[in-house]
Full PDB file with SEQRES, HELIX, SHEET, SSBOND, CRYST1, ORIGX, SCALE, CONECT and MASTER records, all heavy atoms in Angstrom:
SEQRES   1 A   32  ARG GLY LYS VAL GLY ILE SER ASN ALA PHE VAL GLN ALA          
SEQRES   2 A   32  ARG LEU PHE TYR GLN ARG ALA CYS ASP GLU GLY THR LYS          
SEQRES   3 A   32  ILE ALA CYS ASP LYS LEU                                      
HELIX    1 AA1 GLY A    2  VAL A    4  5                                   3    
HELIX    2 AA2 ALA A    9  ASP A   22  1                                  14    
HELIX    3 AA3 LYS A   26  LYS A   31  1                                   6    
SSBOND   1 CYS A   21    CYS A   29                          1555   1555  2.02  
CRYST1    1.000    1.000    1.000  90.00  90.00  90.00 P 1           1          
ORIGX1      1.000000  0.000000  0.000000        0.00000                         
ORIGX2      0.000000  1.000000  0.000000        0.00000                         
ORIGX3      0.000000  0.000000  1.000000        0.00000                         
SCALE1      1.000000  0.000000  0.000000        0.00000                         
SCALE2      0.000000  1.000000  0.000000        0.00000                         
SCALE3      0.000000  0.000000  1.000000        0.00000                         
ATOM      1  N   ARG A   1       0.832  -1.204   0.000  1.00  0.00           N  
ATOM      2  CA  ARG A   1       0.000   0.000   0.000  1.00  0.00           C  
ATOM      3  C   ARG A   1       0.867   1.254   0.000  1.00  0.00           C  
ATOM      4  O   ARG A   1       0.538   2.245  -0.629  1.00  0.00           O  
ATOM      5  CB  ARG A   1      -0.958  -0.018   1.180  1.00  0.00           C  
ATOM      6  CG  ARG A   1      -2.146  -0.947   0.911  1.00  0.00           C  
ATOM      7  CD  ARG A   1      -2.832  -1.409   2.181  1.00  0.00           C  
ATOM      8  NE  ARG A   1      -3.999  -2.215   1.901  1.00  0.00           N  
ATOM      9  CZ  ARG A   1      -3.977  -3.447   1.406  1.00  0.00           C  
ATOM     10  NH1 ARG A   1      -2.847  -4.024   1.110  1.00  0.00           N  
ATOM     11  NH2 ARG A   1      -5.084  -4.118   1.195  1.00  0.00           N  
ATOM     12  N   GLY A   2       1.981   1.200   0.674  1.00  0.00           N  
ATOM     13  CA  GLY A   2       2.908   2.321   0.665  1.00  0.00           C  
ATOM     14  C   GLY A   2       3.477   2.580  -0.712  1.00  0.00           C  
ATOM     15  O   GLY A   2       3.682   3.730  -1.113  1.00  0.00           O  
ATOM     16  N   LYS A   3       3.709   1.521  -1.463  1.00  0.00           N  
ATOM     17  CA  LYS A   3       4.263   1.659  -2.812  1.00  0.00           C  
ATOM     18  C   LYS A   3       3.307   2.337  -3.770  1.00  0.00           C  
ATOM     19  O   LYS A   3       3.738   2.857  -4.799  1.00  0.00           O  
ATOM     20  CB  LYS A   3       4.680   0.291  -3.354  1.00  0.00           C  
ATOM     21  CG  LYS A   3       5.900  -0.268  -2.654  1.00  0.00           C  
ATOM     22  CD  LYS A   3       6.272  -1.638  -3.176  1.00  0.00           C  
ATOM     23  CE  LYS A   3       7.501  -2.165  -2.450  1.00  0.00           C  
ATOM     24  NZ  LYS A   3       7.862  -3.514  -2.909  1.00  0.00           N  
ATOM     25  N   VAL A   4       2.017   2.326  -3.450  1.00  0.00           N  
ATOM     26  CA  VAL A   4       1.043   3.020  -4.305  1.00  0.00           C  
ATOM     27  C   VAL A   4       0.623   4.347  -3.694  1.00  0.00           C  
ATOM     28  O   VAL A   4      -0.360   4.952  -4.113  1.00  0.00           O  
ATOM     29  CB  VAL A   4      -0.196   2.140  -4.628  1.00  0.00           C  
ATOM     30  CG1 VAL A   4       0.211   0.934  -5.452  1.00  0.00           C  
ATOM     31  CG2 VAL A   4      -0.946   1.732  -3.380  1.00  0.00           C  
ATOM     32  N   GLY A   5       1.374   4.794  -2.693  1.00  0.00           N  
ATOM     33  CA  GLY A   5       1.180   6.139  -2.174  1.00  0.00           C  
ATOM     34  C   GLY A   5       0.197   6.294  -1.030  1.00  0.00           C  
ATOM     35  O   GLY A   5      -0.188   7.412  -0.700  1.00  0.00           O  
ATOM     36  N   ILE A   6      -0.230   5.213  -0.421  1.00  0.00           N  
ATOM     37  CA  ILE A   6      -1.164   5.332   0.701  1.00  0.00           C  
ATOM     38  C   ILE A   6      -0.407   5.856   1.920  1.00  0.00           C  
ATOM     39  O   ILE A   6       0.603   5.291   2.340  1.00  0.00           O  
ATOM     40  CB  ILE A   6      -1.867   3.997   0.997  1.00  0.00           C  
ATOM     41  CG1 ILE A   6      -2.764   3.646  -0.187  1.00  0.00           C  
ATOM     42  CG2 ILE A   6      -2.670   4.065   2.290  1.00  0.00           C  
ATOM     43  CD1 ILE A   6      -3.479   2.333  -0.083  1.00  0.00           C  
ATOM     44  N   SER A   7      -0.910   6.942   2.441  1.00  0.00           N  
ATOM     45  CA  SER A   7      -0.271   7.633   3.556  1.00  0.00           C  
ATOM     46  C   SER A   7      -0.097   6.720   4.760  1.00  0.00           C  
ATOM     47  O   SER A   7      -0.990   5.950   5.103  1.00  0.00           O  
ATOM     48  CB  SER A   7      -1.135   8.839   3.937  1.00  0.00           C  
ATOM     49  OG  SER A   7      -0.650   9.461   5.096  1.00  0.00           O  
ATOM     50  N   ASN A   8       1.067   6.808   5.398  1.00  0.00           N  
ATOM     51  CA  ASN A   8       1.360   6.132   6.648  1.00  0.00           C  
ATOM     52  C   ASN A   8       1.534   4.610   6.516  1.00  0.00           C  
ATOM     53  O   ASN A   8       1.770   3.930   7.506  1.00  0.00           O  
ATOM     54  CB  ASN A   8       0.284   6.448   7.695  1.00  0.00           C  
ATOM     55  CG  ASN A   8       0.815   6.395   9.106  1.00  0.00           C  
ATOM     56  OD1 ASN A   8       1.985   6.666   9.341  1.00  0.00           O  
ATOM     57  ND2 ASN A   8      -0.037   6.038  10.042  1.00  0.00           N  
ATOM     58  N   ALA A   9       1.428   4.068   5.314  1.00  0.00           N  
ATOM     59  CA  ALA A   9       1.497   2.616   5.144  1.00  0.00           C  
ATOM     60  C   ALA A   9       2.885   2.072   5.477  1.00  0.00           C  
ATOM     61  O   ALA A   9       2.998   1.010   6.102  1.00  0.00           O  
ATOM     62  CB  ALA A   9       1.078   2.210   3.742  1.00  0.00           C  
ATOM     63  N   PHE A  10       3.934   2.771   5.079  1.00  0.00           N  
ATOM     64  CA  PHE A  10       5.278   2.284   5.376  1.00  0.00           C  
ATOM     65  C   PHE A  10       5.546   2.288   6.879  1.00  0.00           C  
ATOM     66  O   PHE A  10       6.255   1.422   7.386  1.00  0.00           O  
ATOM     67  CB  PHE A  10       6.345   3.100   4.651  1.00  0.00           C  
ATOM     68  CG  PHE A  10       6.433   2.810   3.169  1.00  0.00           C  
ATOM     69  CD1 PHE A  10       6.350   3.837   2.248  1.00  0.00           C  
ATOM     70  CD2 PHE A  10       6.606   1.515   2.697  1.00  0.00           C  
ATOM     71  CE1 PHE A  10       6.437   3.577   0.887  1.00  0.00           C  
ATOM     72  CE2 PHE A  10       6.686   1.244   1.344  1.00  0.00           C  
ATOM     73  CZ  PHE A  10       6.606   2.279   0.432  1.00  0.00           C  
ATOM     74  N   VAL A  11       4.967   3.227   7.585  1.00  0.00           N  
ATOM     75  CA  VAL A  11       5.108   3.267   9.043  1.00  0.00           C  
ATOM     76  C   VAL A  11       4.497   2.009   9.651  1.00  0.00           C  
ATOM     77  O   VAL A  11       5.098   1.364  10.524  1.00  0.00           O  
ATOM     78  CB  VAL A  11       4.453   4.539   9.630  1.00  0.00           C  
ATOM     79  CG1 VAL A  11       4.420   4.484  11.149  1.00  0.00           C  
ATOM     80  CG2 VAL A  11       5.171   5.784   9.146  1.00  0.00           C  
ATOM     81  N   GLN A  12       3.322   1.639   9.180  1.00  0.00           N  
ATOM     82  CA  GLN A  12       2.659   0.430   9.665  1.00  0.00           C  
ATOM     83  C   GLN A  12       3.463  -0.812   9.298  1.00  0.00           C  
ATOM     84  O   GLN A  12       3.624  -1.721  10.121  1.00  0.00           O  
ATOM     85  CB  GLN A  12       1.239   0.328   9.108  1.00  0.00           C  
ATOM     86  CG  GLN A  12       0.293   1.383   9.631  1.00  0.00           C  
ATOM     87  CD  GLN A  12       0.095   1.242  11.125  1.00  0.00           C  
ATOM     88  OE1 GLN A  12      -0.118   0.150  11.638  1.00  0.00           O  
ATOM     89  NE2 GLN A  12       0.170   2.353  11.826  1.00  0.00           N  
ATOM     90  N   ALA A  13       3.961  -0.866   8.064  1.00  0.00           N  
ATOM     91  CA  ALA A  13       4.766  -2.016   7.638  1.00  0.00           C  
ATOM     92  C   ALA A  13       5.967  -2.167   8.566  1.00  0.00           C  
ATOM     93  O   ALA A  13       6.280  -3.281   9.018  1.00  0.00           O  
ATOM     94  CB  ALA A  13       5.224  -1.841   6.196  1.00  0.00           C  
ATOM     95  N   ARG A  14       6.621  -1.054   8.854  1.00  0.00           N  
ATOM     96  CA  ARG A  14       7.801  -1.090   9.728  1.00  0.00           C  
ATOM     97  C   ARG A  14       7.455  -1.655  11.111  1.00  0.00           C  
ATOM     98  O   ARG A  14       8.207  -2.455  11.667  1.00  0.00           O  
ATOM     99  CB  ARG A  14       8.400   0.301   9.860  1.00  0.00           C  
ATOM    100  CG  ARG A  14       9.696   0.336  10.635  1.00  0.00           C  
ATOM    101  CD  ARG A  14      10.354   1.712  10.600  1.00  0.00           C  
ATOM    102  NE  ARG A  14      10.553   2.231   9.257  1.00  0.00           N  
ATOM    103  CZ  ARG A  14      11.502   1.835   8.411  1.00  0.00           C  
ATOM    104  NH1 ARG A  14      12.342   0.902   8.789  1.00  0.00           N  
ATOM    105  NH2 ARG A  14      11.600   2.363   7.211  1.00  0.00           N  
ATOM    106  N   LEU A  15       6.314  -1.279  11.666  1.00  0.00           N  
ATOM    107  CA  LEU A  15       5.908  -1.771  12.989  1.00  0.00           C  
ATOM    108  C   LEU A  15       5.753  -3.290  13.007  1.00  0.00           C  
ATOM    109  O   LEU A  15       6.224  -3.960  13.934  1.00  0.00           O  
ATOM    110  CB  LEU A  15       4.601  -1.108  13.429  1.00  0.00           C  
ATOM    111  CG  LEU A  15       4.664   0.374  13.752  1.00  0.00           C  
ATOM    112  CD1 LEU A  15       3.256   0.926  13.980  1.00  0.00           C  
ATOM    113  CD2 LEU A  15       5.542   0.629  14.952  1.00  0.00           C  
ATOM    114  N   PHE A  16       5.091  -3.826  11.988  1.00  0.00           N  
ATOM    115  CA  PHE A  16       4.860  -5.273  11.957  1.00  0.00           C  
ATOM    116  C   PHE A  16       6.144  -6.040  11.660  1.00  0.00           C  
ATOM    117  O   PHE A  16       6.410  -7.077  12.274  1.00  0.00           O  
ATOM    118  CB  PHE A  16       3.747  -5.635  10.983  1.00  0.00           C  
ATOM    119  CG  PHE A  16       2.402  -5.213  11.479  1.00  0.00           C  
ATOM    120  CD1 PHE A  16       1.703  -4.183  10.857  1.00  0.00           C  
ATOM    121  CD2 PHE A  16       1.839  -5.809  12.588  1.00  0.00           C  
ATOM    122  CE1 PHE A  16       0.466  -3.772  11.330  1.00  0.00           C  
ATOM    123  CE2 PHE A  16       0.602  -5.402  13.076  1.00  0.00           C  
ATOM    124  CZ  PHE A  16      -0.082  -4.389  12.439  1.00  0.00           C  
ATOM    125  N   TYR A  17       6.952  -5.532  10.731  1.00  0.00           N  
ATOM    126  CA  TYR A  17       8.234  -6.185  10.462  1.00  0.00           C  
ATOM    127  C   TYR A  17       9.125  -6.140  11.702  1.00  0.00           C  
ATOM    128  O   TYR A  17       9.802  -7.124  12.018  1.00  0.00           O  
ATOM    129  CB  TYR A  17       8.958  -5.509   9.302  1.00  0.00           C  
ATOM    130  CG  TYR A  17       8.373  -5.750   7.932  1.00  0.00           C  
ATOM    131  CD1 TYR A  17       8.551  -4.815   6.919  1.00  0.00           C  
ATOM    132  CD2 TYR A  17       7.669  -6.907   7.613  1.00  0.00           C  
ATOM    133  CE1 TYR A  17       8.056  -5.010   5.646  1.00  0.00           C  
ATOM    134  CE2 TYR A  17       7.156  -7.122   6.344  1.00  0.00           C  
ATOM    135  CZ  TYR A  17       7.363  -6.159   5.356  1.00  0.00           C  
ATOM    136  OH  TYR A  17       6.863  -6.360   4.090  1.00  0.00           O  
ATOM    137  N   GLN A  18       9.136  -5.007  12.396  1.00  0.00           N  
ATOM    138  CA  GLN A  18       9.990  -4.874  13.580  1.00  0.00           C  
ATOM    139  C   GLN A  18       9.590  -5.868  14.664  1.00  0.00           C  
ATOM    140  O   GLN A  18      10.433  -6.478  15.302  1.00  0.00           O  
ATOM    141  CB  GLN A  18       9.926  -3.450  14.131  1.00  0.00           C  
ATOM    142  CG  GLN A  18      10.940  -3.181  15.231  1.00  0.00           C  
ATOM    143  CD  GLN A  18      12.364  -3.239  14.714  1.00  0.00           C  
ATOM    144  OE1 GLN A  18      12.732  -2.492  13.827  1.00  0.00           O  
ATOM    145  NE2 GLN A  18      13.170  -4.134  15.267  1.00  0.00           N  
ATOM    146  N   ARG A  19       8.283  -6.028  14.850  1.00  0.00           N  
ATOM    147  CA  ARG A  19       7.820  -6.983  15.868  1.00  0.00           C  
ATOM    148  C   ARG A  19       8.330  -8.382  15.551  1.00  0.00           C  
ATOM    149  O   ARG A  19       8.843  -9.088  16.420  1.00  0.00           O  
ATOM    150  CB  ARG A  19       6.300  -6.977  15.960  1.00  0.00           C  
ATOM    151  CG  ARG A  19       5.814  -8.014  16.949  1.00  0.00           C  
ATOM    152  CD  ARG A  19       4.377  -7.939  17.266  1.00  0.00           C  
ATOM    153  NE  ARG A  19       4.072  -8.992  18.240  1.00  0.00           N  
ATOM    154  CZ  ARG A  19       2.887  -9.421  18.506  1.00  0.00           C  
ATOM    155  NH1 ARG A  19       1.841  -8.862  17.939  1.00  0.00           N  
ATOM    156  NH2 ARG A  19       2.685 -10.382  19.372  1.00  0.00           N  
ATOM    157  N   ALA A  20       8.180  -8.789  14.288  1.00  0.00           N  
ATOM    158  CA  ALA A  20       8.622 -10.126  13.897  1.00  0.00           C  
ATOM    159  C   ALA A  20      10.145 -10.235  13.956  1.00  0.00           C  
ATOM    160  O   ALA A  20      10.679 -11.267  14.384  1.00  0.00           O  
ATOM    161  CB  ALA A  20       8.110 -10.463  12.503  1.00  0.00           C  
ATOM    162  N   CYS A  21      10.839  -9.197  13.570  1.00  0.00           N  
ATOM    163  CA  CYS A  21      12.300  -9.196  13.630  1.00  0.00           C  
ATOM    164  C   CYS A  21      12.771  -9.346  15.071  1.00  0.00           C  
ATOM    165  O   CYS A  21      13.674 -10.136  15.361  1.00  0.00           O  
ATOM    166  CB  CYS A  21      12.849  -7.916  13.005  1.00  0.00           C  
ATOM    167  SG  CYS A  21      14.650  -7.809  13.003  1.00  0.00           S  
ATOM    168  N   ASP A  22      12.149  -8.603  15.956  1.00  0.00           N  
ATOM    169  CA  ASP A  22      12.505  -8.678  17.377  1.00  0.00           C  
ATOM    170  C   ASP A  22      12.312 -10.075  17.945  1.00  0.00           C  
ATOM    171  O   ASP A  22      12.974 -10.455  18.908  1.00  0.00           O  
ATOM    172  CB  ASP A  22      11.680  -7.676  18.198  1.00  0.00           C  
ATOM    173  CG  ASP A  22      12.063  -6.234  17.931  1.00  0.00           C  
ATOM    174  OD1 ASP A  22      13.116  -5.981  17.301  1.00  0.00           O  
ATOM    175  OD2 ASP A  22      11.288  -5.344  18.344  1.00  0.00           O  
ATOM    176  N   GLU A  23      11.415 -10.836  17.344  1.00  0.00           N  
ATOM    177  CA  GLU A  23      11.158 -12.212  17.784  1.00  0.00           C  
ATOM    178  C   GLU A  23      12.017 -13.227  17.028  1.00  0.00           C  
ATOM    179  O   GLU A  23      11.835 -14.431  17.182  1.00  0.00           O  
ATOM    180  CB  GLU A  23       9.670 -12.552  17.611  1.00  0.00           C  
ATOM    181  CG  GLU A  23       8.758 -11.781  18.540  1.00  0.00           C  
ATOM    182  CD  GLU A  23       8.960 -12.160  20.008  1.00  0.00           C  
ATOM    183  OE1 GLU A  23       9.213 -13.346  20.295  1.00  0.00           O  
ATOM    184  OE2 GLU A  23       8.888 -11.249  20.850  1.00  0.00           O  
ATOM    185  N   GLY A  24      12.937 -12.726  16.193  1.00  0.00           N  
ATOM    186  CA  GLY A  24      13.884 -13.618  15.534  1.00  0.00           C  
ATOM    187  C   GLY A  24      13.521 -14.092  14.144  1.00  0.00           C  
ATOM    188  O   GLY A  24      14.143 -15.018  13.629  1.00  0.00           O  
ATOM    189  N   THR A  25      12.545 -13.453  13.512  1.00  0.00           N  
ATOM    190  CA  THR A  25      12.143 -13.843  12.160  1.00  0.00           C  
ATOM    191  C   THR A  25      13.027 -13.110  11.159  1.00  0.00           C  
ATOM    192  O   THR A  25      12.849 -11.910  10.918  1.00  0.00           O  
ATOM    193  CB  THR A  25      10.659 -13.525  11.915  1.00  0.00           C  
ATOM    194  OG1 THR A  25       9.886 -14.167  12.939  1.00  0.00           O  
ATOM    195  CG2 THR A  25      10.203 -14.013  10.553  1.00  0.00           C  
ATOM    196  N   LYS A  26      14.009 -13.818  10.606  1.00  0.00           N  
ATOM    197  CA  LYS A  26      15.021 -13.202   9.757  1.00  0.00           C  
ATOM    198  C   LYS A  26      14.438 -12.463   8.565  1.00  0.00           C  
ATOM    199  O   LYS A  26      14.890 -11.371   8.231  1.00  0.00           O  
ATOM    200  CB  LYS A  26      16.028 -14.255   9.288  1.00  0.00           C  
ATOM    201  CG  LYS A  26      17.167 -13.640   8.480  1.00  0.00           C  
ATOM    202  CD  LYS A  26      18.112 -14.687   7.962  1.00  0.00           C  
ATOM    203  CE  LYS A  26      19.253 -14.144   7.140  1.00  0.00           C  
ATOM    204  NZ  LYS A  26      19.009 -13.054   6.271  1.00  0.00           N  
ATOM    205  N   ILE A  27      13.456 -13.031   7.901  1.00  0.00           N  
ATOM    206  CA  ILE A  27      12.908 -12.368   6.718  1.00  0.00           C  
ATOM    207  C   ILE A  27      12.333 -10.996   7.073  1.00  0.00           C  
ATOM    208  O   ILE A  27      12.428 -10.057   6.288  1.00  0.00           O  
ATOM    209  CB  ILE A  27      11.868 -13.240   5.980  1.00  0.00           C  
ATOM    210  CG1 ILE A  27      11.574 -12.647   4.611  1.00  0.00           C  
ATOM    211  CG2 ILE A  27      10.604 -13.418   6.795  1.00  0.00           C  
ATOM    212  CD1 ILE A  27      10.902 -13.589   3.654  1.00  0.00           C  
ATOM    213  N   ALA A  28      11.780 -10.874   8.265  1.00  0.00           N  
ATOM    214  CA  ALA A  28      11.255  -9.582   8.701  1.00  0.00           C  
ATOM    215  C   ALA A  28      12.396  -8.585   8.879  1.00  0.00           C  
ATOM    216  O   ALA A  28      12.264  -7.414   8.495  1.00  0.00           O  
ATOM    217  CB  ALA A  28      10.466  -9.736   9.997  1.00  0.00           C  
ATOM    218  N   CYS A  29      13.507  -9.037   9.419  1.00  0.00           N  
ATOM    219  CA  CYS A  29      14.679  -8.158   9.571  1.00  0.00           C  
ATOM    220  C   CYS A  29      15.179  -7.708   8.198  1.00  0.00           C  
ATOM    221  O   CYS A  29      15.530  -6.538   8.016  1.00  0.00           O  
ATOM    222  CB  CYS A  29      15.787  -8.871  10.328  1.00  0.00           C  
ATOM    223  SG  CYS A  29      15.332  -9.414  11.992  1.00  0.00           S  
ATOM    224  N   ASP A  30      15.201  -8.635   7.253  1.00  0.00           N  
ATOM    225  CA  ASP A  30      15.639  -8.305   5.900  1.00  0.00           C  
ATOM    226  C   ASP A  30      14.691  -7.299   5.249  1.00  0.00           C  
ATOM    227  O   ASP A  30      15.135  -6.367   4.575  1.00  0.00           O  
ATOM    228  CB  ASP A  30      15.725  -9.562   5.037  1.00  0.00           C  
ATOM    229  CG  ASP A  30      16.814 -10.524   5.498  1.00  0.00           C  
ATOM    230  OD1 ASP A  30      17.736 -10.097   6.242  1.00  0.00           O  
ATOM    231  OD2 ASP A  30      16.744 -11.708   5.114  1.00  0.00           O  
ATOM    232  N   LYS A  31      13.399  -7.467   5.441  1.00  0.00           N  
ATOM    233  CA  LYS A  31      12.417  -6.554   4.855  1.00  0.00           C  
ATOM    234  C   LYS A  31      12.517  -5.157   5.455  1.00  0.00           C  
ATOM    235  O   LYS A  31      12.309  -4.168   4.757  1.00  0.00           O  
ATOM    236  CB  LYS A  31      11.000  -7.119   5.019  1.00  0.00           C  
ATOM    237  CG  LYS A  31      10.726  -8.308   4.124  1.00  0.00           C  
ATOM    238  CD  LYS A  31       9.367  -8.913   4.394  1.00  0.00           C  
ATOM    239  CE  LYS A  31       9.089 -10.067   3.469  1.00  0.00           C  
ATOM    240  NZ  LYS A  31       8.470  -9.680   2.213  1.00  0.00           N  
ATOM    241  N   LEU A  32      12.861  -5.079   6.725  1.00  0.00           N  
ATOM    242  CA  LEU A  32      13.043  -3.770   7.363  1.00  0.00           C  
ATOM    243  C   LEU A  32      14.120  -2.958   6.657  1.00  0.00           C  
ATOM    244  O   LEU A  32      13.987  -1.741   6.490  1.00  0.00           O  
ATOM    245  CB  LEU A  32      13.454  -3.950   8.824  1.00  0.00           C  
ATOM    246  CG  LEU A  32      12.349  -4.115   9.834  1.00  0.00           C  
ATOM    247  CD1 LEU A  32      12.938  -4.512  11.186  1.00  0.00           C  
ATOM    248  CD2 LEU A  32      11.510  -2.850   9.966  1.00  0.00           C  
TER     249      LEU A  32                                                      
CONECT  167  223                                                                
CONECT  223  167                                                                
MASTER        0    0    0    3    0    0    0    6  248    1    2    3          
END                                                                             
Protein backbone atom coordinates (compact mmCIF):
# COMPACT_ATOMS: atom_id res chain seq x y z
CA ARG A 1 0.00 0.00 0.00
CA GLY A 2 2.91 2.32 0.67
CA LYS A 3 4.26 1.66 -2.81
CA VAL A 4 1.04 3.02 -4.30
CA GLY A 5 1.18 6.14 -2.17
CA ILE A 6 -1.16 5.33 0.70
CA SER A 7 -0.27 7.63 3.56
CA ASN A 8 1.36 6.13 6.65
CA ALA A 9 1.50 2.62 5.14
CA PHE A 10 5.28 2.28 5.38
CA VAL A 11 5.11 3.27 9.04
CA GLN A 12 2.66 0.43 9.67
CA ALA A 13 4.77 -2.02 7.64
CA ARG A 14 7.80 -1.09 9.73
CA LEU A 15 5.91 -1.77 12.99
CA PHE A 16 4.86 -5.27 11.96
CA TYR A 17 8.23 -6.18 10.46
CA GLN A 18 9.99 -4.87 13.58
CA ARG A 19 7.82 -6.98 15.87
CA ALA A 20 8.62 -10.13 13.90
CA CYS A 21 12.30 -9.20 13.63
CA ASP A 22 12.51 -8.68 17.38
CA GLU A 23 11.16 -12.21 17.78
CA GLY A 24 13.88 -13.62 15.53
CA THR A 25 12.14 -13.84 12.16
CA LYS A 26 15.02 -13.20 9.76
CA ILE A 27 12.91 -12.37 6.72
CA ALA A 28 11.25 -9.58 8.70
CA CYS A 29 14.68 -8.16 9.57
CA ASP A 30 15.64 -8.30 5.90
CA LYS A 31 12.42 -6.55 4.85
CA LEU A 32 13.04 -3.77 7.36
